[in-house]
Every structure is written in structure tokens, then in C-alpha cells.
Amino acid sequence: MAKRQNSSMQHVVFSHSACFFCIFLIIKHFPNTSDNKNVKKRLFTILLTSIIIFFHTSPTFAYMVKFKEDWYKLYHVHYQQYPDDCIENIYWLEKAAQADFCNPQFTDAKITTEKEWEKYRYLFQMHINLKLIEQHLRLGRTYDKKCIYFYDAPWKDEYLRNMEKALSCYKAGLYYWQEAKVWQEKANSASFNFLFITAKQNWEDERERIAEGKLDYEKMLNREIERLEKNIKELNEMDKKY
């Protein structure tokens, strides 16, 4: 059945291509008179319209996004990232965190033993949660107001709404930090001593930096939350009619 469909599809493509080629030859070899130029324009318009319709109506083959690795590939960082970009990335990463792993032979890393497969899964989950923290920090900073000035009073309601959004982003980051630490502790188990997933060196670096205390999002997030709550309090106490 599949072979029959493929052959029929190839036949349709071939026949359409032949038609397009014939029209192109007719246009090319038409004498360059004033009347024929108009005919040429019409034929070219027909050719272009036919090509557009053909490619829009041709069957396409969808790529199923099913496994953790598939969802993670949709995550990307823009040079200039707007709130919608952050929200999109958070969605992809959330889906990746919830999805199943693909078969070990289809991963980006070379997995040869069950122990390597176990550590790879722990590192991947840790890495996804760290990326979720980064995206929540990016999103929070688009709504954050670092400093409060006396002339901000007339717009205090708008500022407060945005600052509440930023606060919720930072607090969500704390949840993902706890999740990341759980997976880091599993990946840092003594049973994995001298076992490294070399294809994912950046994940291994993240694991080691957390273990040494060099990567501590909890400290950073709590500092941001404390500063933001102080600014919210100051803004609430401000006279709106200044």
C-alpha cells in the first residue's frame, strides 16, 4: 500500500513538473512582439500560480514530537528575547520534562551501558530544570523594576502589576531549583565515580558546579525576590497623586 502511494505521488510530481517545463519552454521561445509579450506575462502568471497551488496542496509528512529529546530540540534562545519567546521556551521545556526518553541508541550521546543510560537520564532532567530557571529569570526581568523613584507614583498600579509577574517568575524558579538539585544529587552519586557522559560535557560541568556550590540559583533568586518585595512595599506606600 505504501509503495503504491509513493509511486502515485512520484507520478503526480513528474507529470506536474513536465507541464511546468512545457509552459516554460513556450514562454521562452515566444517571439518578442508587443502582443506576444502580453501572452508571455499571462503564461508566466499561470505558471507561477500553478506552482504555488501545487506546493500548497501537495501532501506533507509531519514529524511527530513525542520524546524528551524531540521537545528539547524545540527550545532555542533568541539574541533579543521577548516575553513571548520566553513563554514559548518554557512550554517546550515543560513538555520535555514530562515526556519519556527515546531509545538510548537515538540519543545525541553515545550510550553503551545501563549505568551510562541511568546517568544520562539524571543529567538531562537536571539540565532541563536549570534551563527552566534561566527562562523564568529572563521572563521576570522583562517585568521587573530594579529601582523605585519618587516620580513613579502616577504609574504605580502598572508597575505593581508587572512586578507581581516578575515575583511569580522568580518564585517559580525556586521550585525548579529544588527539582534540579534532586536530579543533580542522583547524577552525583558515588556509583557514577569515574563515569562521565563526555558527549554532554556541559551537563557534567553543571553537575559539578552545583556540587561545589559555584552554581547556586537559590541564592540568586532569593536575592531578587527580597529586592523586589522591598520595591513593591515602597511603591505601595507611595502617594499616587504626586
Protein backbone atom coordinates (compact mmCIF):
# COMPACT_ATOMS: atom_id res chain seq x y z
CA MET A 1 0.00 0.00 0.00
CA ALA A 2 2.79 2.43 0.98
CA LYS A 3 4.74 1.58 -2.20
CA ARG A 4 1.62 2.21 -4.32
CA GLN A 5 1.12 5.61 -2.66
CA ASN A 6 4.77 6.56 -3.15
CA SER A 7 4.73 5.58 -6.81
CA SER A 8 1.50 7.50 -7.44
CA MET A 9 2.95 10.53 -5.66
CA GLN A 10 6.09 10.34 -7.80
CA HIS A 11 3.91 10.10 -10.92
CA VAL A 12 1.96 13.23 -9.90
CA VAL A 13 5.17 15.16 -9.22
CA PHE A 14 6.66 14.05 -12.55
CA SER A 15 3.55 14.97 -14.55
CA HIS A 16 3.28 18.39 -12.88
CA SER A 17 6.98 19.04 -13.46
CA ALA A 18 6.60 18.13 -17.13
CA CYS A 19 3.69 20.56 -17.50
CA PHE A 20 5.62 23.37 -15.82
CA PHE A 21 8.61 22.70 -18.07
CA CYS A 22 6.48 22.79 -21.23
CA ILE A 23 4.90 26.12 -20.24
CA PHE A 24 8.38 27.50 -19.51
CA LEU A 25 9.65 26.46 -22.97
CA ILE A 26 6.64 28.05 -24.64
CA ILE A 27 7.28 31.32 -22.80
CA LYS A 28 11.00 31.25 -23.60
CA HIS A 29 10.65 30.67 -27.34
CA PHE A 30 7.73 33.05 -27.96
CA PRO A 31 8.60 35.83 -30.45
CA ASN A 32 9.21 39.18 -28.74
CA THR A 33 6.37 41.19 -30.26
CA SER A 34 4.16 43.55 -28.29
CA ASP A 35 1.16 41.18 -28.44
CA ASN A 36 3.24 38.16 -27.52
CA LYS A 37 4.70 39.97 -24.53
CA ASN A 38 1.22 40.18 -23.02
CA VAL A 39 0.69 36.48 -23.72
CA LYS A 40 4.03 35.75 -22.12
CA LYS A 41 3.04 37.66 -18.99
CA ARG A 42 -0.22 35.74 -18.75
CA LEU A 43 1.51 32.39 -19.23
CA PHE A 44 4.12 33.31 -16.62
CA THR A 45 1.34 34.26 -14.19
CA ILE A 46 -0.38 30.93 -14.84
CA LEU A 47 2.90 29.07 -14.32
CA LEU A 48 3.67 30.85 -11.05
CA THR A 49 0.12 30.36 -9.74
CA SER A 50 0.21 26.66 -10.67
CA ILE A 51 3.50 26.14 -8.82
CA ILE A 52 2.17 27.86 -5.68
CA ILE A 53 -1.08 25.85 -5.74
CA PHE A 54 0.80 22.60 -6.36
CA PHE A 55 3.14 23.01 -3.41
CA HIS A 56 0.36 24.17 -1.08
CA THR A 57 -1.87 21.20 -1.93
CA SER A 58 0.84 18.53 -2.04
CA PRO A 59 0.80 16.09 0.90
CA THR A 60 3.46 16.80 3.51
CA PHE A 61 4.95 14.41 6.00
CA ALA A 62 4.63 15.55 9.63
CA TYR A 63 7.38 14.98 12.20
CA MET A 64 5.97 13.60 15.43
CA VAL A 65 7.25 15.29 18.57
CA LYS A 66 6.99 12.54 21.16
CA PHE A 67 10.12 12.03 23.22
CA LYS A 68 12.05 14.21 25.64
CA GLU A 69 14.84 14.77 23.13
CA ASP A 70 12.34 15.90 20.48
CA TRP A 71 10.74 18.52 22.74
CA TYR A 72 14.14 19.76 23.90
CA LYS A 73 15.21 20.43 20.30
CA LEU A 74 12.38 22.97 20.01
CA TYR A 75 13.93 25.03 22.82
CA HIS A 76 16.04 27.89 21.48
CA VAL A 77 17.41 31.22 22.72
CA HIS A 78 16.96 34.39 20.68
CA TYR A 79 19.58 37.12 20.53
CA GLN A 80 16.88 39.55 21.68
CA GLN A 81 14.33 37.61 23.69
CA TYR A 82 10.84 38.99 24.25
CA PRO A 83 8.31 37.69 26.83
CA ASP A 84 6.54 35.57 24.19
CA ASP A 85 9.85 33.90 23.33
CA CYS A 86 10.47 33.03 26.98
CA ILE A 87 6.93 31.68 27.41
CA GLU A 88 7.36 29.55 24.28
CA ASN A 89 10.63 28.12 25.58
CA ILE A 90 9.09 27.41 28.99
CA TYR A 91 6.34 25.46 27.24
CA TRP A 92 8.84 23.34 25.25
CA LEU A 93 10.97 22.67 28.33
CA GLU A 94 7.93 21.72 30.43
CA LYS A 95 6.86 19.26 27.74
CA ALA A 96 10.40 17.88 27.62
CA ALA A 97 10.45 17.42 31.41
CA GLN A 98 7.21 15.42 31.27
CA ALA A 99 7.96 13.31 28.17
CA ASP A 100 9.57 9.87 28.03
CA PHE A 101 13.14 9.30 26.93
CA CYS A 102 13.77 7.92 23.47
CA ASN A 103 15.65 4.66 22.93
CA PRO A 104 19.32 5.03 24.02
CA GLN A 105 20.60 4.37 20.50
CA PHE A 106 18.83 7.52 19.23
CA THR A 107 20.25 9.98 21.78
CA ASP A 108 22.87 12.63 20.95
CA ALA A 109 25.28 10.96 23.38
CA LYS A 110 26.94 7.59 22.89
CA ILE A 111 25.33 5.21 25.41
CA THR A 112 26.81 1.72 25.69
CA THR A 113 25.93 0.56 29.23
CA GLU A 114 22.91 0.69 31.51
CA LYS A 115 24.91 2.76 34.00
CA GLU A 116 25.67 5.39 31.35
CA TRP A 117 21.99 5.40 30.39
CA GLU A 118 20.98 5.96 34.02
CA LYS A 119 23.36 8.87 34.48
CA TYR A 120 22.36 10.39 31.15
CA ARG A 121 18.71 10.49 32.28
CA TYR A 122 19.59 12.15 35.60
CA LEU A 123 21.78 14.76 33.89
CA PHE A 124 19.15 15.52 31.26
CA GLN A 125 16.43 16.12 33.87
CA MET A 126 18.78 18.33 35.86
CA HIS A 127 19.71 20.33 32.75
CA ILE A 128 16.08 20.87 31.71
CA ASN A 129 15.23 22.27 35.15
CA LEU A 130 18.23 24.60 35.03
CA LYS A 131 17.09 25.90 31.65
CA LEU A 132 13.60 26.45 33.07
CA ILE A 133 15.16 28.60 35.80
CA GLU A 134 17.05 30.63 33.19
CA GLN A 135 13.90 31.24 31.17
CA HIS A 136 11.92 32.29 34.25
CA LEU A 137 14.70 34.69 35.18
CA ARG A 138 14.68 36.15 31.67
CA LEU A 139 10.90 36.46 31.75
CA GLY A 140 10.90 38.00 35.22
CA ARG A 141 13.48 40.61 34.27
CA THR A 142 11.28 41.90 31.44
CA TYR A 143 8.64 42.84 34.05
CA ASP A 144 10.99 43.77 36.88
CA LYS A 145 11.69 47.32 38.02
CA LYS A 146 15.10 47.50 39.60
CA CYS A 147 14.75 50.91 41.23
CA ILE A 148 11.83 52.97 42.53
CA TYR A 149 11.87 56.75 42.07
CA PHE A 150 9.60 59.41 43.60
CA TYR A 151 8.23 60.32 40.16
CA ASP A 152 6.94 56.74 39.56
CA ALA A 153 3.83 57.43 41.67
CA PRO A 154 1.36 58.19 38.83
CA TRP A 155 2.07 54.79 37.25
CA LYS A 156 2.32 52.75 40.45
CA ASP A 157 -0.59 50.43 39.51
CA GLU A 158 1.03 49.44 36.20
CA TYR A 159 4.41 48.97 37.87
CA LEU A 160 2.89 46.84 40.63
CA ARG A 161 1.14 44.56 38.14
CA ASN A 162 4.41 43.98 36.29
CA MET A 163 6.39 43.50 39.48
CA GLU A 164 3.92 40.87 40.69
CA LYS A 165 4.50 38.99 37.44
CA ALA A 166 8.25 39.21 37.95
CA LEU A 167 7.87 37.98 41.53
CA SER A 168 5.85 34.94 40.41
CA CYS A 169 8.56 34.11 37.83
CA TYR A 170 11.33 34.24 40.45
CA LYS A 171 9.34 32.10 42.89
CA ALA A 172 8.67 29.55 40.15
CA GLY A 173 12.44 29.44 39.60
CA LEU A 174 12.90 28.30 43.21
CA TYR A 175 10.68 25.27 42.53
CA TYR A 176 12.77 24.27 39.51
CA TRP A 177 15.95 24.74 41.53
CA GLN A 178 14.76 22.17 44.06
CA GLU A 179 13.98 19.80 41.18
CA ALA A 180 17.39 20.41 39.60
CA LYS A 181 19.14 19.65 42.90
CA VAL A 182 17.28 16.35 43.26
CA TRP A 183 18.49 15.17 39.85
CA GLN A 184 21.98 16.57 40.44
CA GLU A 185 22.30 14.55 43.64
CA LYS A 186 21.30 11.40 41.78
CA ALA A 187 23.78 12.10 38.98
CA ASN A 188 26.49 12.89 41.55
CA SER A 189 26.12 9.53 43.30
CA ALA A 190 29.28 7.64 44.25
CA SER A 191 28.19 4.81 41.93
CA PHE A 192 28.99 7.12 38.99
CA ASN A 193 32.56 7.88 40.08
CA PHE A 194 34.90 7.93 37.05
CA LEU A 195 31.89 7.64 34.72
CA PHE A 196 31.34 10.68 32.52
CA ILE A 197 28.97 11.35 29.63
CA THR A 198 31.65 13.01 27.50
CA ALA A 199 29.22 13.99 24.73
CA LYS A 200 27.36 16.13 27.27
CA GLN A 201 30.27 17.84 28.95
CA ASN A 202 28.25 21.00 29.67
CA TRP A 203 25.76 18.91 31.68
CA GLU A 204 28.63 17.34 33.60
CA ASP A 205 30.02 20.83 34.25
CA GLU A 206 26.66 21.97 35.62
CA ARG A 207 26.50 18.95 37.91
CA GLU A 208 30.00 19.63 39.24
CA ARG A 209 29.41 23.38 39.72
CA ILE A 210 26.26 22.66 41.76
CA ALA A 211 28.17 20.11 43.87
CA GLU A 212 30.93 22.67 44.57
CA GLY A 213 28.44 25.48 45.29
CA LYS A 214 29.64 27.58 42.34
CA LEU A 215 26.22 27.38 40.69
CA ASP A 216 23.54 28.39 43.19
CA TYR A 217 20.34 29.74 41.68
CA GLU A 218 18.64 29.66 45.08
CA LYS A 219 20.91 32.41 46.38
CA MET A 220 20.37 34.49 43.24
CA LEU A 221 16.59 34.03 43.21
CA ASN A 222 16.19 34.81 46.91
CA ARG A 223 18.21 37.99 46.43
CA GLU A 224 15.96 39.06 43.55
CA ILE A 225 12.79 38.18 45.48
CA GLU A 226 13.94 40.12 48.56
CA ARG A 227 14.79 43.21 46.50
CA LEU A 228 11.53 43.02 44.54
CA GLU A 229 9.36 42.63 47.66
CA LYS A 230 11.10 45.67 49.16
CA ASN A 231 10.37 47.68 45.98
CA ILE A 232 6.73 46.56 45.95
CA LYS A 233 6.34 47.67 49.56
CA GLU A 234 7.94 51.03 48.81
CA LEU A 235 5.71 51.55 45.79
CA ASN A 236 2.57 50.65 47.72
CA GLU A 237 3.41 53.26 50.34
CA MET A 238 3.94 55.94 47.73
CA ASP A 239 1.38 58.71 47.23
CA LYS A 240 -0.34 58.02 43.92
CA LYS A 241 -1.27 61.68 43.39
CA TYR A 242 2.24 63.03 43.44
